[in-house]
PDB file of N, CA and C in Angstrom:
ATOM      1  N   MET A   1      44.482  96.009  50.107  1.00  0.00           N
ATOM      2  CA  MET A   1      44.268  94.723  50.741  1.00  0.00           C
ATOM      3  C   MET A   1      42.768  94.558  50.969  1.00  0.00           C
ATOM      4  N   ASP A   2      42.259  93.401  50.576  1.00  0.00           N
ATOM      5  CA  ASP A   2      40.825  93.198  50.757  1.00  0.00           C
ATOM      6  C   ASP A   2      40.501  92.986  52.237  1.00  0.00           C
ATOM      7  N   PRO A   3      39.252  93.208  52.607  1.00  0.00           N
ATOM      8  CA  PRO A   3      38.876  93.148  54.032  1.00  0.00           C
ATOM      9  C   PRO A   3      39.183  91.799  54.688  1.00  0.00           C
ATOM     10  N   GLU A   4      38.990  90.718  53.969  1.00  0.00           N
ATOM     11  CA  GLU A   4      39.256  89.392  54.532  1.00  0.00           C
ATOM     12  C   GLU A   4      40.747  89.199  54.806  1.00  0.00           C
ATOM     13  N   ALA A   5      41.589  89.641  53.886  1.00  0.00           N
ATOM     14  CA  ALA A   5      43.042  89.535  54.066  1.00  0.00           C
ATOM     15  C   ALA A   5      43.488  90.417  55.234  1.00  0.00           C
ATOM     16  N   ALA A   6      42.893  91.600  55.341  1.00  0.00           N
ATOM     17  CA  ALA A   6      43.229  92.496  56.446  1.00  0.00           C
ATOM     18  C   ALA A   6      42.835  91.880  57.783  1.00  0.00           C
ATOM     19  N   ARG A   7      41.682  91.244  57.833  1.00  0.00           N
ATOM     20  CA  ARG A   7      41.215  90.603  59.061  1.00  0.00           C
ATOM     21  C   ARG A   7      42.143  89.449  59.447  1.00  0.00           C
ATOM     22  N   THR A   8      42.534  88.657  58.459  1.00  0.00           N
ATOM     23  CA  THR A   8      43.437  87.528  58.712  1.00  0.00           C
ATOM     24  C   THR A   8      44.790  88.022  59.209  1.00  0.00           C
ATOM     25  N   ALA A   9      45.305  89.088  58.588  1.00  0.00           N
ATOM     26  CA  ALA A   9      46.591  89.653  59.008  1.00  0.00           C
ATOM     27  C   ALA A   9      46.511  90.180  60.439  1.00  0.00           C
ATOM     28  N   ARG A  10      45.417  90.854  60.770  1.00  0.00           N
ATOM     29  CA  ARG A  10      45.225  91.397  62.118  1.00  0.00           C
ATOM     30  C   ARG A  10      45.132  90.259  63.138  1.00  0.00           C
ATOM     31  N   GLU A  11      44.396  89.192  62.808  1.00  0.00           N
ATOM     32  CA  GLU A  11      44.281  88.051  63.714  1.00  0.00           C
ATOM     33  C   GLU A  11      45.632  87.357  63.901  1.00  0.00           C
ATOM     34  N   SER A  12      46.406  87.262  62.827  1.00  0.00           N
ATOM     35  CA  SER A  12      47.735  86.647  62.922  1.00  0.00           C
ATOM     36  C   SER A  12      48.649  87.471  63.815  1.00  0.00           C
ATOM     37  N   LEU A  13      48.599  88.791  63.659  1.00  0.00           N
ATOM     38  CA  LEU A  13      49.414  89.657  64.509  1.00  0.00           C
ATOM     39  C   LEU A  13      48.948  89.561  65.964  1.00  0.00           C
ATOM     40  N   ASP A  14      47.638  89.499  66.180  1.00  0.00           N
ATOM     41  CA  ASP A  14      47.118  89.346  67.545  1.00  0.00           C
ATOM     42  C   ASP A  14      47.654  88.076  68.192  1.00  0.00           C
ATOM     43  N   LEU A  15      47.655  86.974  67.435  1.00  0.00           N
ATOM     44  CA  LEU A  15      48.150  85.703  67.959  1.00  0.00           C
ATOM     45  C   LEU A  15      49.653  85.778  68.237  1.00  0.00           C
ATOM     46  N   ALA A  16      50.417  86.341  67.299  1.00  0.00           N
ATOM     47  CA  ALA A  16      51.868  86.477  67.488  1.00  0.00           C
ATOM     48  C   ALA A  16      52.168  87.369  68.693  1.00  0.00           C
ATOM     49  N   PHE A  17      51.405  88.445  68.868  1.00  0.00           N
ATOM     50  CA  PHE A  17      51.618  89.348  69.998  1.00  0.00           C
ATOM     51  C   PHE A  17      51.280  88.646  71.318  1.00  0.00           C
ATOM     52  N   HIS A  18      50.221  87.845  71.311  1.00  0.00           N
ATOM     53  CA  HIS A  18      49.854  87.091  72.512  1.00  0.00           C
ATOM     54  C   HIS A  18      50.975  86.118  72.879  1.00  0.00           C
ATOM     55  N   MET A  19      51.505  85.398  71.889  1.00  0.00           N
ATOM     56  CA  MET A  19      52.618  84.470  72.147  1.00  0.00           C
ATOM     57  C   MET A  19      53.844  85.232  72.635  1.00  0.00           C
ATOM     58  N   SER A  20      54.091  86.399  72.047  1.00  0.00           N
ATOM     59  CA  SER A  20      55.223  87.226  72.448  1.00  0.00           C
ATOM     60  C   SER A  20      55.102  87.634  73.906  1.00  0.00           C
ATOM     61  N   ASN A  21      53.897  87.978  74.331  1.00  0.00           N
ATOM     62  CA  ASN A  21      53.668  88.349  75.726  1.00  0.00           C
ATOM     63  C   ASN A  21      53.851  87.155  76.664  1.00  0.00           C
ATOM     64  N   ILE A  22      53.367  85.990  76.251  1.00  0.00           N
ATOM     65  CA  ILE A  22      53.536  84.782  77.060  1.00  0.00           C
ATOM     66  C   ILE A  22      55.022  84.485  77.250  1.00  0.00           C
ATOM     67  N   LEU A  23      55.800  84.693  76.187  1.00  0.00           N
ATOM     68  CA  LEU A  23      57.242  84.434  76.243  1.00  0.00           C
ATOM     69  C   LEU A  23      58.016  85.597  76.857  1.00  0.00           C
ATOM     70  N   ASP A  24      57.306  86.662  77.209  1.00  0.00           N
ATOM     71  CA  ASP A  24      57.906  87.832  77.854  1.00  0.00           C
ATOM     72  C   ASP A  24      59.071  88.404  77.034  1.00  0.00           C
ATOM     73  N   THR A  25      58.818  88.626  75.740  1.00  0.00           N
ATOM     74  CA  THR A  25      59.865  89.144  74.851  1.00  0.00           C
ATOM     75  C   THR A  25      60.111  90.630  75.032  1.00  0.00           C
ATOM     76  N   GLY A  26      59.122  91.349  75.551  1.00  0.00           N
ATOM     77  CA  GLY A  26      59.265  92.790  75.704  1.00  0.00           C
ATOM     78  C   GLY A  26      59.013  93.563  74.417  1.00  0.00           C
ATOM     79  N   LEU A  27      58.518  92.881  73.391  1.00  0.00           N
ATOM     80  CA  LEU A  27      58.248  93.555  72.114  1.00  0.00           C
ATOM     81  C   LEU A  27      56.840  94.131  72.105  1.00  0.00           C
ATOM     82  N   ASP A  28      56.704  95.349  71.586  1.00  0.00           N
ATOM     83  CA  ASP A  28      55.360  95.915  71.431  1.00  0.00           C
ATOM     84  C   ASP A  28      54.786  95.462  70.091  1.00  0.00           C
ATOM     85  N   ARG A  29      53.512  95.743  69.869  1.00  0.00           N
ATOM     86  CA  ARG A  29      52.836  95.292  68.639  1.00  0.00           C
ATOM     87  C   ARG A  29      53.507  95.855  67.385  1.00  0.00           C
ATOM     88  N   HIS A  30      53.884  97.120  67.443  1.00  0.00           N
ATOM     89  CA  HIS A  30      54.490  97.746  66.268  1.00  0.00           C
ATOM     90  C   HIS A  30      55.815  97.059  65.918  1.00  0.00           C
ATOM     91  N   THR A  31      56.673  96.877  66.915  1.00  0.00           N
ATOM     92  CA  THR A  31      57.968  96.239  66.669  1.00  0.00           C
ATOM     93  C   THR A  31      57.771  94.826  66.148  1.00  0.00           C
ATOM     94  N   LEU A  32      56.853  94.100  66.750  1.00  0.00           N
ATOM     95  CA  LEU A  32      56.583  92.739  66.305  1.00  0.00           C
ATOM     96  C   LEU A  32      56.100  92.723  64.859  1.00  0.00           C
ATOM     97  N   SER A  33      55.238  93.657  64.503  1.00  0.00           N
ATOM     98  CA  SER A  33      54.742  93.686  63.116  1.00  0.00           C
ATOM     99  C   SER A  33      55.859  94.022  62.139  1.00  0.00           C
ATOM    100  N   VAL A  34      56.782  94.885  62.532  1.00  0.00           N
ATOM    101  CA  VAL A  34      57.930  95.202  61.672  1.00  0.00           C
ATOM    102  C   VAL A  34      58.803  93.967  61.498  1.00  0.00           C
ATOM    103  N   LEU A  35      59.063  93.257  62.583  1.00  0.00           N
ATOM    104  CA  LEU A  35      59.887  92.047  62.499  1.00  0.00           C
ATOM    105  C   LEU A  35      59.230  90.982  61.624  1.00  0.00           C
ATOM    106  N   ILE A  36      57.924  90.834  61.739  1.00  0.00           N
ATOM    107  CA  ILE A  36      57.203  89.879  60.890  1.00  0.00           C
ATOM    108  C   ILE A  36      57.303  90.296  59.427  1.00  0.00           C
ATOM    109  N   ALA A  37      57.146  91.597  59.165  1.00  0.00           N
ATOM    110  CA  ALA A  37      57.248  92.093  57.793  1.00  0.00           C
ATOM    111  C   ALA A  37      58.647  91.847  57.222  1.00  0.00           C
ATOM    112  N   LEU A  38      59.682  92.043  58.049  1.00  0.00           N
ATOM    113  CA  LEU A  38      61.050  91.789  57.591  1.00  0.00           C
ATOM    114  C   LEU A  38      61.246  90.308  57.265  1.00  0.00           C
ATOM    115  N   CYS A  39      60.666  89.434  58.065  1.00  0.00           N
ATOM    116  CA  CYS A  39      60.730  87.995  57.767  1.00  0.00           C
ATOM    117  C   CYS A  39      60.001  87.689  56.458  1.00  0.00           C
ATOM    118  N   ASP A  40      58.852  88.331  56.255  1.00  0.00           N
ATOM    119  CA  ASP A  40      58.099  88.140  55.010  1.00  0.00           C
ATOM    120  C   ASP A  40      58.905  88.587  53.793  1.00  0.00           C
ATOM    121  N   LEU A  41      59.793  89.560  54.000  1.00  0.00           N
ATOM    122  CA  LEU A  41      60.641  90.048  52.909  1.00  0.00           C
ATOM    123  C   LEU A  41      61.858  89.147  52.680  1.00  0.00           C
ATOM    124  N   GLY A  42      62.009  88.135  53.528  1.00  0.00           N
ATOM    125  CA  GLY A  42      63.076  87.177  53.318  1.00  0.00           C
ATOM    126  C   GLY A  42      64.254  87.288  54.258  1.00  0.00           C
ATOM    127  N   LEU A  43      64.183  88.174  55.237  1.00  0.00           N
ATOM    128  CA  LEU A  43      65.285  88.255  56.195  1.00  0.00           C
ATOM    129  C   LEU A  43      65.279  87.020  57.083  1.00  0.00           C
ATOM    130  N   ASN A  44      66.446  86.618  57.492  1.00  0.00           N
ATOM    131  CA  ASN A  44      66.609  85.435  58.316  1.00  0.00           C
ATOM    132  C   ASN A  44      66.054  85.714  59.713  1.00  0.00           C
ATOM    133  N   PRO A  45      65.051  84.939  60.155  1.00  0.00           N
ATOM    134  CA  PRO A  45      64.469  85.172  61.478  1.00  0.00           C
ATOM    135  C   PRO A  45      65.480  85.023  62.608  1.00  0.00           C
ATOM    136  N   GLU A  46      66.424  84.104  62.471  1.00  0.00           N
ATOM    137  CA  GLU A  46      67.432  83.920  63.514  1.00  0.00           C
ATOM    138  C   GLU A  46      68.353  85.127  63.593  1.00  0.00           C
ATOM    139  N   ALA A  47      68.683  85.711  62.436  1.00  0.00           N
ATOM    140  CA  ALA A  47      69.519  86.917  62.433  1.00  0.00           C
ATOM    141  C   ALA A  47      68.764  88.081  63.064  1.00  0.00           C
ATOM    142  N   LEU A  48      67.478  88.201  62.755  1.00  0.00           N
ATOM    143  CA  LEU A  48      66.669  89.257  63.372  1.00  0.00           C
ATOM    144  C   LEU A  48      66.591  89.075  64.883  1.00  0.00           C
ATOM    145  N   ALA A  49      66.410  87.837  65.324  1.00  0.00           N
ATOM    146  CA  ALA A  49      66.344  87.566  66.763  1.00  0.00           C
ATOM    147  C   ALA A  49      67.656  87.951  67.438  1.00  0.00           C
ATOM    148  N   ALA A  50      68.770  87.663  66.789  1.00  0.00           N
ATOM    149  CA  ALA A  50      70.076  88.018  67.356  1.00  0.00           C
ATOM    150  C   ALA A  50      70.219  89.528  67.476  1.00  0.00           C
ATOM    151  N   VAL A  51      69.759  90.258  66.458  1.00  0.00           N
ATOM    152  CA  VAL A  51      69.834  91.722  66.487  1.00  0.00           C
ATOM    153  C   VAL A  51      68.955  92.272  67.609  1.00  0.00           C
ATOM    154  N   VAL A  52      67.743  91.740  67.740  1.00  0.00           N
ATOM    155  CA  VAL A  52      66.829  92.197  68.792  1.00  0.00           C
ATOM    156  C   VAL A  52      67.447  91.947  70.162  1.00  0.00           C
ATOM    157  N   LYS A  53      67.999  90.748  70.370  1.00  0.00           N
ATOM    158  CA  LYS A  53      68.619  90.436  71.662  1.00  0.00           C
ATOM    159  C   LYS A  53      69.774  91.374  71.956  1.00  0.00           C
ATOM    160  N   GLU A  54      70.581  91.664  70.951  1.00  0.00           N
ATOM    161  CA  GLU A  54      71.723  92.564  71.137  1.00  0.00           C
ATOM    162  C   GLU A  54      71.243  93.975  71.484  1.00  0.00           C
ATOM    163  N   LEU A  55      70.230  94.445  70.786  1.00  0.00           N
ATOM    164  CA  LEU A  55      69.710  95.785  71.048  1.00  0.00           C
ATOM    165  C   LEU A  55      69.051  95.871  72.425  1.00  0.00           C
ATOM    166  N   GLN A  56      68.436  94.799  72.871  1.00  0.00           N
ATOM    167  CA  GLN A  56      67.811  94.803  74.191  1.00  0.00           C
ATOM    168  C   GLN A  56      68.860  94.787  75.302  1.00  0.00           C
ATOM    169  N   ARG A  57      70.068  94.297  75.008  1.00  0.00           N
ATOM    170  CA  ARG A  57      71.142  94.280  75.998  1.00  0.00           C
ATOM    171  C   ARG A  57      71.784  95.644  76.178  1.00  0.00           C
ATOM    172  N   GLU A  58      71.713  96.475  75.131  1.00  0.00           N
ATOM    173  CA  GLU A  58      72.347  97.786  75.203  1.00  0.00           C
ATOM    174  C   GLU A  58      71.654  98.642  76.254  1.00  0.00           C
ATOM    175  N   PRO A  59      72.428  99.479  76.951  1.00  0.00           N
ATOM    176  CA  PRO A  59      71.805 100.358  77.951  1.00  0.00           C
ATOM    177  C   PRO A  59      70.862 101.348  77.268  1.00  0.00           C
ATOM    178  N   PRO A  60      69.823 101.766  77.972  1.00  0.00           N
ATOM    179  CA  PRO A  60      68.892 102.727  77.385  1.00  0.00           C
ATOM    180  C   PRO A  60      69.594 104.052  77.099  1.00  0.00           C
ATOM    181  N   PRO A  61      69.067 104.826  76.155  1.00  0.00           N
ATOM    182  CA  PRO A  61      69.679 106.119  75.844  1.00  0.00           C
ATOM    183  C   PRO A  61      69.697 107.019  77.075  1.00  0.00           C
ATOM    184  N   SER A  62      70.699 107.891  77.133  1.00  0.00           N
ATOM    185  CA  SER A  62      70.845 108.753  78.311  1.00  0.00           C
ATOM    186  C   SER A  62      69.829 109.887  78.331  1.00  0.00           C
ATOM    187  N   THR A  63      69.219 110.181  77.177  1.00  0.00           N
ATOM    188  CA  THR A  63      68.218 111.248  77.149  1.00  0.00           C
ATOM    189  C   THR A  63      66.879 110.670  77.584  1.00  0.00           C
ATOM    190  N   PRO A  64      66.230 111.312  78.531  1.00  0.00           N
ATOM    191  CA  PRO A  64      64.944 110.792  79.018  1.00  0.00           C
ATOM    192  C   PRO A  64      63.869 110.931  77.949  1.00  0.00           C
ATOM    193  N   LEU A  65      62.972 109.952  77.925  1.00  0.00           N
ATOM    194  CA  LEU A  65      61.845 109.997  77.005  1.00  0.00           C
ATOM    195  C   LEU A  65      60.751 110.860  77.610  1.00  0.00           C
ATOM    196  N   SER A  66      60.033 111.558  76.769  1.00  0.00           N
ATOM    197  CA  SER A  66      58.903 112.336  77.290  1.00  0.00           C
ATOM    198  C   SER A  66      57.826 111.375  77.754  1.00  0.00           C
ATOM    199  N   SER A  67      56.953 111.832  78.602  1.00  0.00           N
ATOM    200  CA  SER A  67      55.923 110.966  79.161  1.00  0.00           C
ATOM    201  C   SER A  67      54.959 110.474  78.089  1.00  0.00           C
ATOM    202  N   SER A  68      54.868 111.175  76.968  1.00  0.00           N
ATOM    203  CA  SER A  68      53.942 110.747  75.921  1.00  0.00           C
ATOM    204  C   SER A  68      54.589 109.771  74.956  1.00  0.00           C
ATOM    205  N   SER A  69      55.907 109.588  75.051  1.00  0.00           N
ATOM    206  CA  SER A  69      56.601 108.677  74.146  1.00  0.00           C
ATOM    207  C   SER A  69      56.482 107.257  74.664  1.00  0.00           C
ATOM    208  N   SER A  70      56.296 106.341  73.724  1.00  0.00           N
ATOM    209  CA  SER A  70      56.328 104.935  74.117  1.00  0.00           C
ATOM    210  C   SER A  70      57.719 104.401  73.825  1.00  0.00           C
ATOM    211  N   GLN A  71      58.145 103.443  74.611  1.00  0.00           N
ATOM    212  CA  GLN A  71      59.459 102.873  74.383  1.00  0.00           C
ATOM    213  C   GLN A  71      59.328 101.797  73.321  1.00  0.00           C
ATOM    214  N   ARG A  72      60.062 101.954  72.238  1.00  0.00           N
ATOM    215  CA  ARG A  72      60.072 100.988  71.153  1.00  0.00           C
ATOM    216  C   ARG A  72      61.493 100.605  70.860  1.00  0.00           C
ATOM    217  N   LEU A  73      61.631  99.399  70.357  1.00  0.00           N
ATOM    218  CA  LEU A  73      62.928  98.959  69.893  1.00  0.00           C
ATOM    219  C   LEU A  73      63.157  99.638  68.552  1.00  0.00           C
ATOM    220  N   VAL A  74      64.162 100.484  68.479  1.00  0.00           N
ATOM    221  CA  VAL A  74      64.445 101.217  67.249  1.00  0.00           C
ATOM    222  C   VAL A  74      65.745 100.687  66.676  1.00  0.00           C
ATOM    223  N   LEU A  75      65.671 100.205  65.445  1.00  0.00           N
ATOM    224  CA  LEU A  75      66.861  99.681  64.795  1.00  0.00           C
ATOM    225  C   LEU A  75      67.676 100.826  64.225  1.00  0.00           C
ATOM    226  N   PRO A  76      68.945 100.931  64.611  1.00  0.00           N
ATOM    227  CA  PRO A  76      69.796 101.969  64.029  1.00  0.00           C
ATOM    228  C   PRO A  76      69.928 101.759  62.521  1.00  0.00           C
ATOM    229  N   ASN A  77      70.171 102.839  61.787  1.00  0.00           N
ATOM    230  CA  ASN A  77      70.299 102.751  60.331  1.00  0.00           C
ATOM    231  C   ASN A  77      71.338 101.738  59.905  1.00  0.00           C
ATOM    232  N   GLU A  78      72.450 101.658  60.643  1.00  0.00           N
ATOM    233  CA  GLU A  78      73.514 100.723  60.279  1.00  0.00           C
ATOM    234  C   GLU A  78      73.013  99.282  60.336  1.00  0.00           C
ATOM    235  N   VAL A  79      72.210  98.957  61.354  1.00  0.00           N
ATOM    236  CA  VAL A  79      71.673  97.614  61.493  1.00  0.00           C
ATOM    237  C   VAL A  79      70.711  97.330  60.351  1.00  0.00           C
ATOM    238  N   CYS A  80      69.871  98.296  60.027  1.00  0.00           N
ATOM    239  CA  CYS A  80      68.920  98.121  58.930  1.00  0.00           C
ATOM    240  C   CYS A  80      69.654  97.856  57.615  1.00  0.00           C
ATOM    241  N   LYS A  81      70.734  98.587  57.375  1.00  0.00           N
ATOM    242  CA  LYS A  81      71.509  98.390  56.146  1.00  0.00           C
ATOM    243  C   LYS A  81      72.083  96.989  56.093  1.00  0.00           C
ATOM    244  N   VAL A  82      72.607  96.497  57.217  1.00  0.00           N
ATOM    245  CA  VAL A  82      73.169  95.146  57.263  1.00  0.00           C
ATOM    246  C   VAL A  82      72.089  94.123  56.995  1.00  0.00           C
ATOM    247  N   LEU A  83      70.915  94.281  57.607  1.00  0.00           N
ATOM    248  CA  LEU A  83      69.829  93.337  57.410  1.00  0.00           C
ATOM    249  C   LEU A  83      69.372  93.339  55.964  1.00  0.00           C
ATOM    250  N   ILE A  84      69.294  94.499  55.349  1.00  0.00           N
ATOM    251  CA  ILE A  84      68.861  94.595  53.952  1.00  0.00           C
ATOM    252  C   ILE A  84      69.866  93.922  53.035  1.00  0.00           C
ATOM    253  N   VAL A  85      71.152  94.137  53.291  1.00  0.00           N
ATOM    254  CA  VAL A  85      72.196  93.516  52.467  1.00  0.00           C
ATOM    255  C   VAL A  85      72.103  92.004  52.559  1.00  0.00           C
ATOM    256  N   HIS A  86      71.877  91.479  53.783  1.00  0.00           N
ATOM    257  CA  HIS A  86      71.818  90.026  53.960  1.00  0.00           C
ATOM    258  C   HIS A  86      70.520  89.441  53.385  1.00  0.00           C
ATOM    259  N   ALA A  87      69.512  90.250  53.210  1.00  0.00           N
ATOM    260  CA  ALA A  87      68.258  89.769  52.642  1.00  0.00           C
ATOM    261  C   ALA A  87      68.384  89.564  51.139  1.00  0.00           C
ATOM    262  N   GLY A  88      69.268  90.353  50.518  1.00  0.00           N
ATOM    263  CA  GLY A  88      69.416  90.301  49.072  1.00  0.00           C
ATOM    264  C   GLY A  88      70.208  89.122  48.658  1.00  0.00           C
TER     265      GLY A  88
END
């Protein structure tokens, strides 16, 4: 990726992350960038939003996270497979 394209992509992600924070979505930069990439690959944004909302409703895992771990929305393999199938 050329430097100008990289700068534009970074600025776009910065803007999307800022809007995400204003809307209090609870998404971190990494998760947001993955969701944007999935949309770029042709996945339905509304379907992705539904999956994110469903995953955010689920109770947190019973195993405690280490203090160095950041909490990220992690898509289970089954969900990823469904999203990939619907993208095709």
